[in-house]
Amino acid sequence: MNWKNEKGSSIVEIMVALLIFGIGLVAAFRMLPQSSATTTHSRNRTTAVNLAQEKIEELMSDGYENADLTAGDHVDAGNPISNHFTRTWSVTDDTPITDMKSVSVSVNFPTSGADSSVTLRTYKTSRQ
């Protein structure tokens, strides 16, 4: 068989090429919903970390005796994104040592997975 005399492509070659292209296209479309969900979850997680860090910084700038730093659980009445994220914090006095407070800030958000909250912890001393 002499390949130099071949002119154009046969219908079989075109059909095989279309089949391979179609399989690739279907695979790409099947990955889009999972990719979109992963991107949304990552964006929510990043926002939650930022909201928690913002509250940690606010609490650390408050005085040691500030009402927001009293022992117990607190709900953020001024939550900046209250329709999607819930920001709370917990303060424990004299932990891990006397005249020190343990502060944990948690941000929860709705998701289809189990990984739907972020918690950041820090300590505040009366000497700050």
N, C-alpha and C. Protein backbone atom coordinates (compact mmCIF):
# COMPACT_ATOMS: atom_id res chain seq x y z
N MET A 1 0.84 -1.17 0.00
CA MET A 1 0.00 0.00 0.00
C MET A 1 0.89 1.24 0.00
N ASN A 2 0.60 2.15 -0.83
CA ASN A 2 1.38 3.37 -0.98
C ASN A 2 0.63 4.53 -0.34
N TRP A 3 1.16 5.05 0.78
CA TRP A 3 0.51 6.12 1.54
C TRP A 3 0.57 7.47 0.80
N LYS A 4 1.47 7.62 -0.12
CA LYS A 4 1.61 8.89 -0.83
C LYS A 4 0.42 9.15 -1.76
N ASN A 5 -0.25 8.13 -2.13
CA ASN A 5 -1.38 8.28 -3.05
C ASN A 5 -2.69 8.53 -2.31
N GLU A 6 -2.67 8.48 -0.96
CA GLU A 6 -3.88 8.69 -0.16
C GLU A 6 -4.28 10.16 -0.25
N LYS A 7 -5.55 10.43 -0.49
CA LYS A 7 -6.05 11.80 -0.56
C LYS A 7 -7.17 11.93 0.47
N GLY A 8 -6.96 12.75 1.53
CA GLY A 8 -7.98 12.99 2.53
C GLY A 8 -8.12 11.84 3.52
N SER A 9 -9.20 11.89 4.30
CA SER A 9 -9.45 10.89 5.33
C SER A 9 -10.67 10.08 4.97
N SER A 10 -10.65 8.85 5.43
CA SER A 10 -11.81 7.99 5.20
C SER A 10 -12.88 8.29 6.24
N ILE A 11 -14.09 7.86 5.97
CA ILE A 11 -15.20 8.08 6.89
C ILE A 11 -14.95 7.37 8.21
N VAL A 12 -14.25 6.23 8.18
CA VAL A 12 -13.94 5.48 9.40
C VAL A 12 -13.00 6.29 10.29
N GLU A 13 -12.01 6.90 9.71
CA GLU A 13 -11.08 7.73 10.49
C GLU A 13 -11.79 8.92 11.13
N ILE A 14 -12.69 9.54 10.38
CA ILE A 14 -13.44 10.68 10.90
C ILE A 14 -14.34 10.24 12.06
N MET A 15 -15.00 9.10 11.92
CA MET A 15 -15.88 8.59 12.98
C MET A 15 -15.08 8.27 14.25
N VAL A 16 -13.89 7.66 14.10
CA VAL A 16 -13.04 7.34 15.26
C VAL A 16 -12.61 8.64 15.95
N ALA A 17 -12.23 9.64 15.19
CA ALA A 17 -11.82 10.92 15.76
C ALA A 17 -12.99 11.57 16.51
N LEU A 18 -14.19 11.52 15.94
CA LEU A 18 -15.37 12.09 16.60
C LEU A 18 -15.72 11.32 17.88
N LEU A 19 -15.55 10.02 17.85
CA LEU A 19 -15.81 9.20 19.03
C LEU A 19 -14.85 9.57 20.17
N ILE A 20 -13.58 9.69 19.86
CA ILE A 20 -12.58 10.06 20.88
C ILE A 20 -12.86 11.45 21.41
N PHE A 21 -13.20 12.38 20.53
CA PHE A 21 -13.54 13.74 20.95
C PHE A 21 -14.78 13.74 21.84
N GLY A 22 -15.78 12.96 21.47
CA GLY A 22 -17.02 12.86 22.26
C GLY A 22 -16.77 12.30 23.65
N ILE A 23 -15.95 11.27 23.75
CA ILE A 23 -15.62 10.69 25.06
C ILE A 23 -14.92 11.72 25.93
N GLY A 24 -13.99 12.46 25.37
CA GLY A 24 -13.30 13.51 26.12
C GLY A 24 -14.25 14.61 26.57
N LEU A 25 -15.18 14.97 25.71
CA LEU A 25 -16.14 16.01 26.04
C LEU A 25 -17.08 15.56 27.16
N VAL A 26 -17.55 14.34 27.10
CA VAL A 26 -18.42 13.81 28.16
C VAL A 26 -17.68 13.76 29.49
N ALA A 27 -16.43 13.32 29.47
CA ALA A 27 -15.63 13.26 30.70
C ALA A 27 -15.45 14.66 31.30
N ALA A 28 -15.21 15.64 30.46
CA ALA A 28 -15.04 17.01 30.95
C ALA A 28 -16.33 17.54 31.58
N PHE A 29 -17.47 17.29 30.93
CA PHE A 29 -18.75 17.75 31.47
C PHE A 29 -19.11 17.05 32.77
N ARG A 30 -18.70 15.81 32.93
CA ARG A 30 -19.01 15.09 34.17
C ARG A 30 -18.19 15.61 35.34
N MET A 31 -17.04 16.21 35.07
CA MET A 31 -16.18 16.74 36.12
C MET A 31 -16.59 18.14 36.57
N LEU A 32 -17.35 18.86 35.77
CA LEU A 32 -17.71 20.25 36.10
C LEU A 32 -18.47 20.39 37.42
N PRO A 33 -19.50 19.61 37.71
CA PRO A 33 -20.21 19.80 38.99
C PRO A 33 -19.31 19.56 40.20
N GLN A 34 -18.47 18.54 40.15
CA GLN A 34 -17.57 18.26 41.27
C GLN A 34 -16.56 19.39 41.43
N SER A 35 -16.05 19.87 40.33
CA SER A 35 -15.10 20.98 40.38
C SER A 35 -15.75 22.23 40.95
N SER A 36 -16.97 22.50 40.55
CA SER A 36 -17.69 23.67 41.05
C SER A 36 -17.95 23.55 42.56
N ALA A 37 -18.35 22.36 43.01
CA ALA A 37 -18.61 22.15 44.44
C ALA A 37 -17.34 22.32 45.25
N THR A 38 -16.23 21.81 44.75
CA THR A 38 -14.94 21.93 45.45
C THR A 38 -14.51 23.39 45.53
N THR A 39 -14.71 24.12 44.46
CA THR A 39 -14.36 25.54 44.45
C THR A 39 -15.21 26.32 45.45
N THR A 40 -16.51 26.04 45.49
CA THR A 40 -17.41 26.71 46.43
C THR A 40 -17.01 26.40 47.86
N HIS A 41 -16.71 25.14 48.15
CA HIS A 41 -16.31 24.75 49.50
C HIS A 41 -15.00 25.46 49.90
N SER A 42 -14.06 25.52 49.00
CA SER A 42 -12.79 26.19 49.29
C SER A 42 -13.00 27.68 49.54
N ARG A 43 -13.86 28.30 48.76
CA ARG A 43 -14.16 29.72 48.95
C ARG A 43 -14.83 29.95 50.31
N ASN A 44 -15.79 29.08 50.68
CA ASN A 44 -16.46 29.20 51.98
C ASN A 44 -15.47 29.01 53.12
N ARG A 45 -14.58 28.06 52.98
CA ARG A 45 -13.58 27.79 54.02
C ARG A 45 -12.63 28.98 54.18
N THR A 46 -12.20 29.56 53.08
CA THR A 46 -11.32 30.73 53.14
C THR A 46 -12.03 31.90 53.81
N THR A 47 -13.29 32.13 53.46
CA THR A 47 -14.07 33.20 54.08
C THR A 47 -14.22 32.96 55.58
N ALA A 48 -14.48 31.69 55.95
CA ALA A 48 -14.63 31.35 57.38
C ALA A 48 -13.34 31.61 58.14
N VAL A 49 -12.21 31.24 57.57
CA VAL A 49 -10.92 31.50 58.23
C VAL A 49 -10.71 33.00 58.39
N ASN A 50 -11.02 33.77 57.36
CA ASN A 50 -10.86 35.23 57.44
C ASN A 50 -11.77 35.84 58.50
N LEU A 51 -13.01 35.37 58.59
CA LEU A 51 -13.93 35.88 59.61
C LEU A 51 -13.45 35.52 61.02
N ALA A 52 -12.94 34.32 61.19
CA ALA A 52 -12.42 33.90 62.50
C ALA A 52 -11.19 34.73 62.87
N GLN A 53 -10.29 34.92 61.92
CA GLN A 53 -9.08 35.71 62.18
C GLN A 53 -9.43 37.15 62.51
N GLU A 54 -10.40 37.70 61.81
CA GLU A 54 -10.84 39.07 62.08
C GLU A 54 -11.35 39.21 63.52
N LYS A 55 -12.12 38.23 63.98
CA LYS A 55 -12.66 38.29 65.34
C LYS A 55 -11.55 38.09 66.37
N ILE A 56 -10.61 37.20 66.09
CA ILE A 56 -9.46 36.99 67.00
C ILE A 56 -8.71 38.31 67.17
N GLU A 57 -8.45 38.99 66.08
CA GLU A 57 -7.72 40.26 66.14
C GLU A 57 -8.50 41.31 66.92
N GLU A 58 -9.82 41.34 66.72
CA GLU A 58 -10.66 42.28 67.45
C GLU A 58 -10.63 41.98 68.95
N LEU A 59 -10.76 40.72 69.32
CA LEU A 59 -10.74 40.34 70.73
C LEU A 59 -9.38 40.59 71.37
N MET A 60 -8.31 40.38 70.62
CA MET A 60 -6.97 40.61 71.16
C MET A 60 -6.69 42.09 71.38
N SER A 61 -7.37 42.95 70.61
CA SER A 61 -7.16 44.39 70.80
C SER A 61 -8.02 44.94 71.94
N ASP A 62 -9.04 44.17 72.36
CA ASP A 62 -9.88 44.59 73.49
C ASP A 62 -9.11 44.46 74.80
N GLY A 63 -9.55 45.18 75.80
CA GLY A 63 -8.96 45.07 77.13
C GLY A 63 -9.26 43.72 77.76
N TYR A 64 -8.43 43.32 78.70
CA TYR A 64 -8.56 42.01 79.34
C TYR A 64 -9.91 41.84 80.02
N GLU A 65 -10.48 42.91 80.53
CA GLU A 65 -11.75 42.85 81.26
C GLU A 65 -12.95 43.19 80.37
N ASN A 66 -12.77 43.30 79.07
CA ASN A 66 -13.86 43.62 78.14
C ASN A 66 -14.96 42.57 78.24
N ALA A 67 -16.22 43.00 78.05
CA ALA A 67 -17.37 42.09 78.15
C ALA A 67 -17.30 40.94 77.14
N ASP A 68 -16.69 41.19 75.99
CA ASP A 68 -16.55 40.12 74.99
C ASP A 68 -15.57 39.04 75.43
N LEU A 69 -14.78 39.33 76.46
CA LEU A 69 -13.80 38.37 76.95
C LEU A 69 -14.18 37.78 78.30
N THR A 70 -15.46 37.88 78.67
CA THR A 70 -15.89 37.22 79.90
C THR A 70 -16.01 35.72 79.62
N ALA A 71 -15.80 34.93 80.65
CA ALA A 71 -15.83 33.49 80.49
C ALA A 71 -17.20 33.04 79.99
N GLY A 72 -17.18 32.10 79.06
CA GLY A 72 -18.43 31.54 78.53
C GLY A 72 -18.48 31.58 77.03
N ASP A 73 -19.66 31.23 76.52
CA ASP A 73 -19.87 31.20 75.07
C ASP A 73 -20.54 32.49 74.62
N HIS A 74 -20.13 32.99 73.46
CA HIS A 74 -20.65 34.24 72.93
C HIS A 74 -21.07 34.04 71.47
N VAL A 75 -22.16 34.70 71.10
CA VAL A 75 -22.63 34.70 69.71
C VAL A 75 -22.40 36.10 69.16
N ASP A 76 -21.84 36.18 67.97
CA ASP A 76 -21.52 37.47 67.37
C ASP A 76 -22.78 38.13 66.81
N ALA A 77 -23.29 39.12 67.55
CA ALA A 77 -24.49 39.84 67.10
C ALA A 77 -24.20 40.67 65.85
N GLY A 78 -22.96 41.08 65.68
CA GLY A 78 -22.57 41.87 64.52
C GLY A 78 -21.93 41.04 63.43
N ASN A 79 -22.32 39.79 63.35
CA ASN A 79 -21.75 38.88 62.35
C ASN A 79 -21.87 39.49 60.96
N PRO A 80 -20.74 39.71 60.27
CA PRO A 80 -20.78 40.42 59.00
C PRO A 80 -21.48 39.66 57.86
N ILE A 81 -21.55 38.35 57.93
CA ILE A 81 -22.21 37.57 56.87
C ILE A 81 -23.17 36.60 57.54
N SER A 82 -24.17 37.13 58.21
CA SER A 82 -25.05 36.32 59.05
C SER A 82 -25.98 35.40 58.28
N ASN A 83 -26.22 35.64 57.02
CA ASN A 83 -27.13 34.76 56.29
C ASN A 83 -26.46 33.46 55.82
N HIS A 84 -25.16 33.38 55.93
CA HIS A 84 -24.46 32.19 55.44
C HIS A 84 -23.46 31.64 56.47
N PHE A 85 -22.85 32.50 57.24
CA PHE A 85 -21.84 32.11 58.21
C PHE A 85 -22.32 32.45 59.62
N THR A 86 -21.98 31.60 60.58
CA THR A 86 -22.30 31.85 61.98
C THR A 86 -20.99 31.91 62.75
N ARG A 87 -20.74 33.06 63.40
CA ARG A 87 -19.48 33.25 64.13
C ARG A 87 -19.76 33.29 65.63
N THR A 88 -19.10 32.43 66.37
CA THR A 88 -19.23 32.37 67.83
C THR A 88 -17.84 32.28 68.43
N TRP A 89 -17.74 32.56 69.73
CA TRP A 89 -16.46 32.37 70.40
C TRP A 89 -16.70 31.95 71.84
N SER A 90 -15.69 31.31 72.38
CA SER A 90 -15.74 30.80 73.74
C SER A 90 -14.50 31.27 74.48
N VAL A 91 -14.71 31.70 75.72
CA VAL A 91 -13.59 32.18 76.55
C VAL A 91 -13.54 31.34 77.82
N THR A 92 -12.35 30.90 78.17
CA THR A 92 -12.14 30.16 79.41
C THR A 92 -11.10 30.91 80.23
N ASP A 93 -11.45 31.27 81.46
CA ASP A 93 -10.53 32.00 82.34
C ASP A 93 -9.47 31.07 82.92
N ASP A 94 -8.33 31.67 83.27
CA ASP A 94 -7.22 30.99 83.96
C ASP A 94 -6.80 29.69 83.25
N THR A 95 -6.76 29.76 81.93
CA THR A 95 -6.34 28.61 81.14
C THR A 95 -5.31 29.07 80.13
N PRO A 96 -4.19 28.48 80.03
CA PRO A 96 -3.65 27.34 80.77
C PRO A 96 -3.05 27.69 82.12
N ILE A 97 -2.88 29.01 82.39
CA ILE A 97 -2.35 29.42 83.70
C ILE A 97 -3.19 30.57 84.24
N THR A 98 -2.97 30.93 85.49
CA THR A 98 -3.69 32.03 86.11
C THR A 98 -3.42 33.33 85.36
N ASP A 99 -4.42 34.20 85.30
CA ASP A 99 -4.35 35.49 84.60
C ASP A 99 -4.15 35.34 83.09
N MET A 100 -4.67 34.25 82.55
CA MET A 100 -4.62 34.04 81.10
C MET A 100 -5.98 33.47 80.67
N LYS A 101 -6.43 33.90 79.51
CA LYS A 101 -7.70 33.42 78.98
C LYS A 101 -7.45 32.67 77.68
N SER A 102 -8.15 31.55 77.54
CA SER A 102 -8.14 30.81 76.29
C SER A 102 -9.34 31.28 75.47
N VAL A 103 -9.09 31.67 74.23
CA VAL A 103 -10.15 32.19 73.37
C VAL A 103 -10.21 31.32 72.11
N SER A 104 -11.40 30.77 71.84
CA SER A 104 -11.63 29.96 70.63
C SER A 104 -12.73 30.61 69.82
N VAL A 105 -12.43 30.93 68.57
CA VAL A 105 -13.43 31.52 67.67
C VAL A 105 -13.79 30.47 66.63
N SER A 106 -15.08 30.21 66.47
CA SER A 106 -15.56 29.23 65.48
C SER A 106 -16.47 29.91 64.48
N VAL A 107 -16.32 29.52 63.23
CA VAL A 107 -17.20 30.00 62.16
C VAL A 107 -17.76 28.77 61.46
N ASN A 108 -19.08 28.66 61.42
CA ASN A 108 -19.76 27.54 60.76
C ASN A 108 -20.40 28.03 59.47
N PHE A 109 -20.46 27.15 58.48
CA PHE A 109 -21.12 27.48 57.22
C PHE A 109 -21.76 26.21 56.66
N PRO A 110 -22.85 26.37 55.90
CA PRO A 110 -23.54 25.19 55.36
C PRO A 110 -22.73 24.55 54.24
N THR A 111 -22.69 23.24 54.26
CA THR A 111 -21.99 22.49 53.22
C THR A 111 -22.54 21.08 53.17
N SER A 112 -22.28 20.40 52.11
CA SER A 112 -22.76 19.02 51.98
C SER A 112 -21.82 18.04 52.69
N GLY A 113 -20.60 18.47 52.99
CA GLY A 113 -19.64 17.60 53.66
C GLY A 113 -19.59 17.83 55.16
N ALA A 114 -18.79 17.03 55.82
CA ALA A 114 -18.67 17.14 57.28
C ALA A 114 -17.76 18.31 57.68
N ASP A 115 -16.96 18.78 56.77
CA ASP A 115 -15.98 19.82 57.04
C ASP A 115 -16.63 21.20 56.85
N SER A 116 -17.46 21.61 57.83
CA SER A 116 -18.22 22.84 57.65
C SER A 116 -17.98 23.88 58.74
N SER A 117 -16.84 23.80 59.40
CA SER A 117 -16.53 24.81 60.42
C SER A 117 -15.03 25.01 60.51
N VAL A 118 -14.68 26.18 60.99
CA VAL A 118 -13.28 26.55 61.21
C VAL A 118 -13.19 27.06 62.64
N THR A 119 -12.17 26.63 63.38
CA THR A 119 -11.95 27.11 64.74
C THR A 119 -10.51 27.57 64.88
N LEU A 120 -10.34 28.79 65.36
CA LEU A 120 -9.01 29.33 65.66
C LEU A 120 -8.93 29.57 67.16
N ARG A 121 -7.77 29.29 67.75
CA ARG A 121 -7.58 29.46 69.20
C ARG A 121 -6.37 30.35 69.46
N THR A 122 -6.51 31.11 70.55
CA THR A 122 -5.40 31.95 70.99
C THR A 122 -5.52 32.14 72.50
N TYR A 123 -4.54 32.83 73.07
CA TYR A 123 -4.53 33.11 74.51
C TYR A 123 -4.32 34.59 74.72
N LYS A 124 -4.99 35.12 75.75
CA LYS A 124 -4.83 36.53 76.10
C LYS A 124 -4.44 36.60 77.57
N THR A 125 -3.41 37.36 77.83
CA THR A 125 -2.94 37.51 79.21
C THR A 125 -3.29 38.89 79.74
N SER A 126 -3.39 39.01 81.03
CA SER A 126 -3.73 40.30 81.65
C SER A 126 -2.58 41.28 81.49
N ARG A 127 -1.40 40.82 81.14
CA ARG A 127 -0.23 41.70 80.99
C ARG A 127 -0.11 42.33 79.63
N GLN A 128 -1.05 42.09 78.75
CA GLN A 128 -0.98 42.67 77.40
C GLN A 128 -1.53 44.06 77.39
